[in-house]
Amino acid sequence: MIATALSAAGTAEPLLAVEAIAKRFTLHLQGGVTLPVVAGVSFSVFPGECVALGGPSGAGKSSILKMVYGNYRTDTGRILVADAPAPVDVATAEPRRLIRLRRERIGYVSQFLRVIPRVCALDVVAEPLVAEGVDKGAALARAGALLARLNLPERLWRLPPATFSGGEQQRVNVARGFIGAQPLLLLDEPTASLDAANRAVVIDLIAEKKAAGCALVGIFHDADTRDAVADRVVDVTRFSA
């Protein structure tokens, strides 16, 4: 069942309800040996709050995010994302339904930028808005404003980000993830390659998403960043398989 406890924002319905999900990998090149990752993962995230996934490296934090986004299928359990007229279970959603969920309901900032070769940074960031039907000029203007806020030099905006440094690529990745209006946003170490000034920008962007009613689930390698943005920490070691 979806949790019904009131959130800090006063709403009774979570935007995300993870219910008893589990994941294991089968190592086909190792004779079919199975590698358990997590089991019994359960938590809810409400509008206006940021939940951090805590625990040591290898505990399964990124795997949980990838299951919520639908990149990994679950072995058991449900992942309910609020939608109209009823929540959608990511764990069983058909591919086309999952694509629409990602476009309309679930945003994602991964650790690494994956882009089409020869597409410039400005177009990479603006693309989610264009897909939503926003005018191309308006989308590019908003993309430029975000890149400027993240201190990416304007001389780089028309260049393919595949040529950028790790920190520059991450700023493009953050801008692309934050530009959309999806009510659920997943963050996989969004500040790992950023300096202090740009970490502060990301902290502000997260605060603005929370104020707008977005629900966020994040992994933060930096304790100061996590403490600044997280309303709760879910200890993933509780779900060790």
C-alpha atoms as a PDB file:
ATOM      1  CA  MET A   1       0.000   0.000   0.000  1.00  0.00           C
ATOM      2  CA  ILE A   2       1.102   3.579  -0.640  1.00  0.00           C
ATOM      3  CA  ALA A   3       1.965   5.292   2.640  1.00  0.00           C
ATOM      4  CA  THR A   4      -0.659   7.710   3.902  1.00  0.00           C
ATOM      5  CA  ALA A   5       1.322   9.521   6.611  1.00  0.00           C
ATOM      6  CA  LEU A   6       1.349  13.287   6.212  1.00  0.00           C
ATOM      7  CA  SER A   7       4.544  14.814   4.868  1.00  0.00           C
ATOM      8  CA  ALA A   8       6.088  18.059   6.112  1.00  0.00           C
ATOM      9  CA  ALA A   9       4.304  19.778   3.233  1.00  0.00           C
ATOM     10  CA  GLY A  10       0.976  18.539   4.577  1.00  0.00           C
ATOM     11  CA  THR A  11       0.073  16.205   1.721  1.00  0.00           C
ATOM     12  CA  ALA A  12      -1.135  12.639   2.265  1.00  0.00           C
ATOM     13  CA  GLU A  13       0.012  11.198  -1.075  1.00  0.00           C
ATOM     14  CA  PRO A  14       3.641  10.405  -1.910  1.00  0.00           C
ATOM     15  CA  LEU A  15       5.004  11.079  -5.371  1.00  0.00           C
ATOM     16  CA  LEU A  16       7.082   7.906  -5.034  1.00  0.00           C
ATOM     17  CA  ALA A  17       6.386   4.738  -3.049  1.00  0.00           C
ATOM     18  CA  VAL A  18       8.996   1.980  -3.164  1.00  0.00           C
ATOM     19  CA  GLU A  19       7.595  -1.264  -1.817  1.00  0.00           C
ATOM     20  CA  ALA A  20       9.753  -4.281  -0.931  1.00  0.00           C
ATOM     21  CA  ILE A  21      11.879  -4.237  -4.079  1.00  0.00           C
ATOM     22  CA  ALA A  22      14.847  -6.563  -4.507  1.00  0.00           C
ATOM     23  CA  LYS A  23      17.631  -6.919  -7.055  1.00  0.00           C
ATOM     24  CA  ARG A  24      20.263  -9.508  -7.837  1.00  0.00           C
ATOM     25  CA  PHE A  25      22.556  -9.854 -10.824  1.00  0.00           C
ATOM     26  CA  THR A  26      23.316 -13.084 -12.654  1.00  0.00           C
ATOM     27  CA  LEU A  27      26.958 -13.424 -13.742  1.00  0.00           C
ATOM     28  CA  HIS A  28      26.559 -15.430 -16.929  1.00  0.00           C
ATOM     29  CA  LEU A  29      30.313 -15.477 -17.613  1.00  0.00           C
ATOM     30  CA  GLN A  30      30.854 -16.940 -14.142  1.00  0.00           C
ATOM     31  CA  GLY A  31      28.656 -19.981 -14.590  1.00  0.00           C
ATOM     32  CA  GLY A  32      25.402 -18.233 -13.732  1.00  0.00           C
ATOM     33  CA  VAL A  33      26.427 -17.227 -10.222  1.00  0.00           C
ATOM     34  CA  THR A  34      23.946 -14.774  -8.704  1.00  0.00           C
ATOM     35  CA  LEU A  35      25.095 -11.637  -6.892  1.00  0.00           C
ATOM     36  CA  PRO A  36      22.478 -10.278  -4.463  1.00  0.00           C
ATOM     37  CA  VAL A  37      22.376  -6.484  -4.205  1.00  0.00           C
ATOM     38  CA  VAL A  38      19.384  -5.373  -2.095  1.00  0.00           C
ATOM     39  CA  ALA A  39      16.166  -6.873  -0.748  1.00  0.00           C
ATOM     40  CA  GLY A  40      13.067  -5.496   0.940  1.00  0.00           C
ATOM     41  CA  VAL A  41      13.728  -1.871  -0.034  1.00  0.00           C
ATOM     42  CA  SER A  42      10.776   0.252   1.083  1.00  0.00           C
ATOM     43  CA  PHE A  43      10.383   4.018   1.453  1.00  0.00           C
ATOM     44  CA  SER A  44       8.154   6.868   0.278  1.00  0.00           C
ATOM     45  CA  VAL A  45       8.959  10.396  -0.888  1.00  0.00           C
ATOM     46  CA  PHE A  46       6.474  13.239  -0.649  1.00  0.00           C
ATOM     47  CA  PRO A  47       6.159  16.522  -2.534  1.00  0.00           C
ATOM     48  CA  GLY A  48       8.584  19.137  -1.295  1.00  0.00           C
ATOM     49  CA  GLU A  49      11.125  16.828   0.316  1.00  0.00           C
ATOM     50  CA  CYS A  50      14.523  15.402  -0.547  1.00  0.00           C
ATOM     51  CA  VAL A  51      15.360  11.900   0.638  1.00  0.00           C
ATOM     52  CA  ALA A  52      19.041  10.902   0.598  1.00  0.00           C
ATOM     53  CA  LEU A  53      20.120   7.295   0.175  1.00  0.00           C
ATOM     54  CA  GLY A  54      22.929   6.657   2.653  1.00  0.00           C
ATOM     55  CA  GLY A  55      25.446   3.886   3.088  1.00  0.00           C
ATOM     56  CA  PRO A  56      28.922   2.850   1.963  1.00  0.00           C
ATOM     57  CA  SER A  57      30.027   2.333  -1.625  1.00  0.00           C
ATOM     58  CA  GLY A  58      28.605  -0.916  -2.978  1.00  0.00           C
ATOM     59  CA  ALA A  59      25.564  -0.903  -0.687  1.00  0.00           C
ATOM     60  CA  GLY A  60      23.180  -0.622  -3.663  1.00  0.00           C
ATOM     61  CA  LYS A  61      22.290   3.074  -3.696  1.00  0.00           C
ATOM     62  CA  SER A  62      22.798   3.604  -7.432  1.00  0.00           C
ATOM     63  CA  SER A  63      21.016   0.319  -8.176  1.00  0.00           C
ATOM     64  CA  ILE A  64      17.963   1.572  -6.280  1.00  0.00           C
ATOM     65  CA  LEU A  65      17.916   4.808  -8.290  1.00  0.00           C
ATOM     66  CA  LYS A  66      18.248   2.863 -11.537  1.00  0.00           C
ATOM     67  CA  MET A  67      15.329   0.633 -10.551  1.00  0.00           C
ATOM     68  CA  VAL A  68      13.178   3.686  -9.789  1.00  0.00           C
ATOM     69  CA  TYR A  69      14.076   5.119 -13.206  1.00  0.00           C
ATOM     70  CA  GLY A  70      13.451   1.784 -14.919  1.00  0.00           C
ATOM     71  CA  ASN A  71      17.017   1.188 -16.130  1.00  0.00           C
ATOM     72  CA  TYR A  72      17.145  -1.940 -13.943  1.00  0.00           C
ATOM     73  CA  ARG A  73      14.188  -4.258 -13.556  1.00  0.00           C
ATOM     74  CA  THR A  74      13.316  -5.431 -10.073  1.00  0.00           C
ATOM     75  CA  ASP A  75      13.166  -9.072  -9.021  1.00  0.00           C
ATOM     76  CA  THR A  76      10.290  -8.404  -6.621  1.00  0.00           C
ATOM     77  CA  GLY A  77       8.256  -5.500  -5.307  1.00  0.00           C
ATOM     78  CA  ARG A  78       6.627  -2.366  -6.710  1.00  0.00           C
ATOM     79  CA  ILE A  79       7.774   1.159  -7.534  1.00  0.00           C
ATOM     80  CA  LEU A  80       4.722   3.405  -7.645  1.00  0.00           C
ATOM     81  CA  VAL A  81       5.031   6.836  -9.242  1.00  0.00           C
ATOM     82  CA  ALA A  82       2.112   9.231  -8.850  1.00  0.00           C
ATOM     83  CA  ASP A  83       0.260   9.841 -12.115  1.00  0.00           C
ATOM     84  CA  ALA A  84      -3.277  10.446 -13.304  1.00  0.00           C
ATOM     85  CA  PRO A  85      -5.645   8.706 -12.994  1.00  0.00           C
ATOM     86  CA  ALA A  86      -3.632   6.267 -10.838  1.00  0.00           C
ATOM     87  CA  PRO A  87      -0.034   5.568  -9.796  1.00  0.00           C
ATOM     88  CA  VAL A  88       2.109   3.657 -12.302  1.00  0.00           C
ATOM     89  CA  ASP A  89       4.286   0.718 -11.268  1.00  0.00           C
ATOM     90  CA  VAL A  90       7.694   1.300 -12.874  1.00  0.00           C
ATOM     91  CA  ALA A  91       8.619  -2.317 -12.124  1.00  0.00           C
ATOM     92  CA  THR A  92       6.006  -3.645 -14.556  1.00  0.00           C
ATOM     93  CA  ALA A  93       5.464  -0.715 -16.927  1.00  0.00           C
ATOM     94  CA  GLU A  94       5.645  -1.387 -20.660  1.00  0.00           C
ATOM     95  CA  PRO A  95       8.513   0.348 -22.504  1.00  0.00           C
ATOM     96  CA  ARG A  96       6.321   3.018 -24.103  1.00  0.00           C
ATOM     97  CA  ARG A  97       4.678   3.791 -20.772  1.00  0.00           C
ATOM     98  CA  LEU A  98       8.085   4.030 -19.165  1.00  0.00           C
ATOM     99  CA  ILE A  99       9.297   6.464 -21.827  1.00  0.00           C
ATOM    100  CA  ARG A 100       6.284   8.687 -21.179  1.00  0.00           C
ATOM    101  CA  LEU A 101       6.868   8.504 -17.421  1.00  0.00           C
ATOM    102  CA  ARG A 102      10.421   9.713 -17.917  1.00  0.00           C
ATOM    103  CA  ARG A 103       9.278  12.550 -20.136  1.00  0.00           C
ATOM    104  CA  GLU A 104       6.457  13.693 -17.870  1.00  0.00           C
ATOM    105  CA  ARG A 105       7.030  12.403 -14.332  1.00  0.00           C
ATOM    106  CA  ILE A 106      10.640  11.324 -13.570  1.00  0.00           C
ATOM    107  CA  GLY A 107      13.790  13.378 -14.109  1.00  0.00           C
ATOM    108  CA  TYR A 108      17.271  11.936 -13.630  1.00  0.00           C
ATOM    109  CA  VAL A 109      20.744  13.374 -13.133  1.00  0.00           C
ATOM    110  CA  SER A 110      23.265  10.562 -13.555  1.00  0.00           C
ATOM    111  CA  GLN A 111      26.916  10.638 -12.551  1.00  0.00           C
ATOM    112  CA  PHE A 112      28.079  10.691 -16.156  1.00  0.00           C
ATOM    113  CA  LEU A 113      26.879  12.664 -19.168  1.00  0.00           C
ATOM    114  CA  ARG A 114      25.819  10.561 -22.156  1.00  0.00           C
ATOM    115  CA  VAL A 115      25.223  12.706 -25.217  1.00  0.00           C
ATOM    116  CA  ILE A 116      24.837  12.400 -28.967  1.00  0.00           C
ATOM    117  CA  PRO A 117      28.112  13.274 -30.703  1.00  0.00           C
ATOM    118  CA  ARG A 118      28.328  16.734 -32.300  1.00  0.00           C
ATOM    119  CA  VAL A 119      25.267  18.090 -30.446  1.00  0.00           C
ATOM    120  CA  CYS A 120      26.174  21.324 -28.659  1.00  0.00           C
ATOM    121  CA  ALA A 121      25.767  21.816 -24.905  1.00  0.00           C
ATOM    122  CA  LEU A 122      22.951  24.342 -25.315  1.00  0.00           C
ATOM    123  CA  ASP A 123      20.861  21.886 -27.340  1.00  0.00           C
ATOM    124  CA  VAL A 124      21.648  19.039 -24.916  1.00  0.00           C
ATOM    125  CA  VAL A 125      20.234  21.067 -22.025  1.00  0.00           C
ATOM    126  CA  ALA A 126      17.247  22.453 -23.953  1.00  0.00           C
ATOM    127  CA  GLU A 127      16.161  19.093 -25.418  1.00  0.00           C
ATOM    128  CA  PRO A 128      13.884  18.012 -22.507  1.00  0.00           C
ATOM    129  CA  LEU A 129      11.927  21.259 -22.800  1.00  0.00           C
ATOM    130  CA  VAL A 130      11.615  20.922 -26.580  1.00  0.00           C
ATOM    131  CA  ALA A 131      10.301  17.377 -26.015  1.00  0.00           C
ATOM    132  CA  GLU A 132       7.666  18.857 -23.672  1.00  0.00           C
ATOM    133  CA  GLY A 133       6.520  21.153 -26.481  1.00  0.00           C
ATOM    134  CA  VAL A 134       8.224  24.349 -25.315  1.00  0.00           C
ATOM    135  CA  ASP A 135       9.140  26.771 -28.126  1.00  0.00           C
ATOM    136  CA  LYS A 136      12.725  26.138 -29.261  1.00  0.00           C
ATOM    137  CA  GLY A 137      13.785  29.742 -28.705  1.00  0.00           C
ATOM    138  CA  ALA A 138      12.348  29.809 -25.206  1.00  0.00           C
ATOM    139  CA  ALA A 139      13.924  26.442 -24.402  1.00  0.00           C
ATOM    140  CA  LEU A 140      17.356  27.645 -25.549  1.00  0.00           C
ATOM    141  CA  ALA A 141      17.010  30.820 -23.496  1.00  0.00           C
ATOM    142  CA  ARG A 142      16.217  28.831 -20.348  1.00  0.00           C
ATOM    143  CA  ALA A 143      19.078  26.450 -21.094  1.00  0.00           C
ATOM    144  CA  GLY A 144      21.485  29.353 -21.426  1.00  0.00           C
ATOM    145  CA  ALA A 145      20.302  30.861 -18.153  1.00  0.00           C
ATOM    146  CA  LEU A 146      20.922  27.589 -16.315  1.00  0.00           C
ATOM    147  CA  LEU A 147      24.361  27.104 -17.860  1.00  0.00           C
ATOM    148  CA  ALA A 148      25.277  30.660 -16.912  1.00  0.00           C
ATOM    149  CA  ARG A 149      24.062  30.073 -13.375  1.00  0.00           C
ATOM    150  CA  LEU A 150      26.290  26.989 -13.209  1.00  0.00           C
ATOM    151  CA  ASN A 151      29.241  29.084 -14.364  1.00  0.00           C
ATOM    152  CA  LEU A 152      29.803  27.298 -17.663  1.00  0.00           C
ATOM    153  CA  PRO A 153      31.573  29.820 -19.936  1.00  0.00           C
ATOM    154  CA  GLU A 154      29.375  30.997 -22.804  1.00  0.00           C
ATOM    155  CA  ARG A 155      32.148  30.182 -25.296  1.00  0.00           C
ATOM    156  CA  LEU A 156      31.464  26.483 -24.564  1.00  0.00           C
ATOM    157  CA  TRP A 157      27.715  26.548 -25.085  1.00  0.00           C
ATOM    158  CA  ARG A 158      27.921  25.898 -28.838  1.00  0.00           C
ATOM    159  CA  LEU A 159      30.467  23.097 -28.489  1.00  0.00           C
ATOM    160  CA  PRO A 160      29.777  19.363 -27.997  1.00  0.00           C
ATOM    161  CA  PRO A 161      30.154  18.521 -24.285  1.00  0.00           C
ATOM    162  CA  ALA A 162      31.993  15.297 -25.152  1.00  0.00           C
ATOM    163  CA  THR A 163      35.069  17.539 -25.398  1.00  0.00           C
ATOM    164  CA  PHE A 164      34.556  19.094 -21.933  1.00  0.00           C
ATOM    165  CA  SER A 165      36.278  18.347 -18.633  1.00  0.00           C
ATOM    166  CA  GLY A 166      34.524  16.164 -16.055  1.00  0.00           C
ATOM    167  CA  GLY A 167      33.332  19.155 -14.052  1.00  0.00           C
ATOM    168  CA  GLU A 168      32.054  20.946 -17.156  1.00  0.00           C
ATOM    169  CA  GLN A 169      30.193  17.842 -18.297  1.00  0.00           C
ATOM    170  CA  GLN A 170      28.595  17.462 -14.897  1.00  0.00           C
ATOM    171  CA  ARG A 171      27.328  21.047 -15.012  1.00  0.00           C
ATOM    172  CA  VAL A 172      25.712  20.317 -18.389  1.00  0.00           C
ATOM    173  CA  ASN A 173      24.223  17.149 -16.888  1.00  0.00           C
ATOM    174  CA  VAL A 174      22.820  19.045 -13.887  1.00  0.00           C
ATOM    175  CA  ALA A 175      21.341  21.763 -16.115  1.00  0.00           C
ATOM    176  CA  ARG A 176      19.667  19.164 -18.338  1.00  0.00           C
ATOM    177  CA  GLY A 177      18.205  17.335 -15.327  1.00  0.00           C
ATOM    178  CA  PHE A 178      16.918  20.442 -13.554  1.00  0.00           C
ATOM    179  CA  ILE A 179      15.449  22.227 -16.567  1.00  0.00           C
ATOM    180  CA  GLY A 180      12.355  20.037 -16.825  1.00  0.00           C
ATOM    181  CA  ALA A 181       9.152  20.144 -14.796  1.00  0.00           C
ATOM    182  CA  GLN A 182       8.932  16.476 -13.765  1.00  0.00           C
ATOM    183  CA  PRO A 183       7.584  16.205 -10.204  1.00  0.00           C
ATOM    184  CA  LEU A 184      10.077  13.461  -9.246  1.00  0.00           C
ATOM    185  CA  LEU A 185      13.818  14.032  -9.641  1.00  0.00           C
ATOM    186  CA  LEU A 186      16.535  11.425  -9.069  1.00  0.00           C
ATOM    187  CA  LEU A 187      20.072  12.627  -8.333  1.00  0.00           C
ATOM    188  CA  ASP A 188      23.077  10.283  -8.517  1.00  0.00           C
ATOM    189  CA  GLU A 189      25.986  12.219  -6.961  1.00  0.00           C
ATOM    190  CA  PRO A 190      25.147  15.472  -8.777  1.00  0.00           C
ATOM    191  CA  THR A 191      28.021  17.404  -7.175  1.00  0.00           C
ATOM    192  CA  ALA A 192      30.786  14.773  -7.298  1.00  0.00           C
ATOM    193  CA  SER A 193      32.950  16.682  -9.821  1.00  0.00           C
ATOM    194  CA  LEU A 194      32.004  20.225  -8.832  1.00  0.00           C
ATOM    195  CA  ASP A 195      33.914  22.892  -6.954  1.00  0.00           C
ATOM    196  CA  ALA A 196      32.505  24.641  -3.893  1.00  0.00           C
ATOM    197  CA  ALA A 197      30.898  27.485  -5.854  1.00  0.00           C
ATOM    198  CA  ASN A 198      28.992  25.172  -8.170  1.00  0.00           C
ATOM    199  CA  ARG A 199      28.027  22.827  -5.326  1.00  0.00           C
ATOM    200  CA  ALA A 200      26.361  25.848  -3.749  1.00  0.00           C
ATOM    201  CA  VAL A 201      24.450  26.474  -6.988  1.00  0.00           C
ATOM    202  CA  VAL A 202      23.188  22.876  -7.013  1.00  0.00           C
ATOM    203  CA  ILE A 203      22.109  23.187  -3.370  1.00  0.00           C
ATOM    204  CA  ASP A 204      20.089  26.268  -4.332  1.00  0.00           C
ATOM    205  CA  LEU A 205      18.562  24.478  -7.326  1.00  0.00           C
ATOM    206  CA  ILE A 206      17.475  21.593  -5.088  1.00  0.00           C
ATOM    207  CA  ALA A 207      15.917  24.028  -2.616  1.00  0.00           C
ATOM    208  CA  GLU A 208      13.969  25.661  -5.436  1.00  0.00           C
ATOM    209  CA  LYS A 209      12.700  22.283  -6.665  1.00  0.00           C
ATOM    210  CA  LYS A 210      11.557  21.414  -3.150  1.00  0.00           C
ATOM    211  CA  ALA A 211       9.786  24.770  -2.813  1.00  0.00           C
ATOM    212  CA  ALA A 212       7.976  24.062  -6.080  1.00  0.00           C
ATOM    213  CA  GLY A 213       6.655  20.741  -4.696  1.00  0.00           C
ATOM    214  CA  CYS A 214       9.087  18.397  -6.420  1.00  0.00           C
ATOM    215  CA  ALA A 215      10.103  15.179  -4.654  1.00  0.00           C
ATOM    216  CA  LEU A 216      13.805  14.310  -4.861  1.00  0.00           C
ATOM    217  CA  VAL A 217      15.792  11.148  -4.153  1.00  0.00           C
ATOM    218  CA  GLY A 218      19.541  11.610  -4.105  1.00  0.00           C
ATOM    219  CA  ILE A 219      22.933  10.085  -3.497  1.00  0.00           C
ATOM    220  CA  PHE A 220      25.417  12.625  -2.167  1.00  0.00           C
ATOM    221  CA  HIS A 221      29.054  11.707  -1.637  1.00  0.00           C
ATOM    222  CA  ASP A 222      29.654  15.021   0.128  1.00  0.00           C
ATOM    223  CA  ALA A 223      28.281  15.054   3.681  1.00  0.00           C
ATOM    224  CA  ASP A 224      27.953  18.842   3.774  1.00  0.00           C
ATOM    225  CA  THR A 225      25.833  18.823   0.605  1.00  0.00           C
ATOM    226  CA  ARG A 226      23.679  15.975   1.927  1.00  0.00           C
ATOM    227  CA  ASP A 227      23.123  17.765   5.230  1.00  0.00           C
ATOM    228  CA  ALA A 228      22.173  20.959   3.387  1.00  0.00           C
ATOM    229  CA  VAL A 229      19.496  19.398   1.179  1.00  0.00           C
ATOM    230  CA  ALA A 230      18.193  16.167   2.722  1.00  0.00           C
ATOM    231  CA  ASP A 231      15.070  16.076   4.862  1.00  0.00           C
ATOM    232  CA  ARG A 232      15.603  12.384   5.618  1.00  0.00           C
ATOM    233  CA  VAL A 233      18.310   9.780   5.073  1.00  0.00           C
ATOM    234  CA  VAL A 234      17.358   6.210   4.172  1.00  0.00           C
ATOM    235  CA  ASP A 235      20.163   3.875   5.288  1.00  0.00           C
ATOM    236  CA  VAL A 236      20.510   1.383   2.445  1.00  0.00           C
ATOM    237  CA  THR A 237      22.499  -1.050   4.596  1.00  0.00           C
ATOM    238  CA  ARG A 238      19.142  -1.977   6.179  1.00  0.00           C
ATOM    239  CA  PHE A 239      18.286  -3.633   2.863  1.00  0.00           C
ATOM    240  CA  SER A 240      21.440  -5.706   2.416  1.00  0.00           C
ATOM    241  CA  ALA A 241      20.556  -8.888   0.554  1.00  0.00           C
END
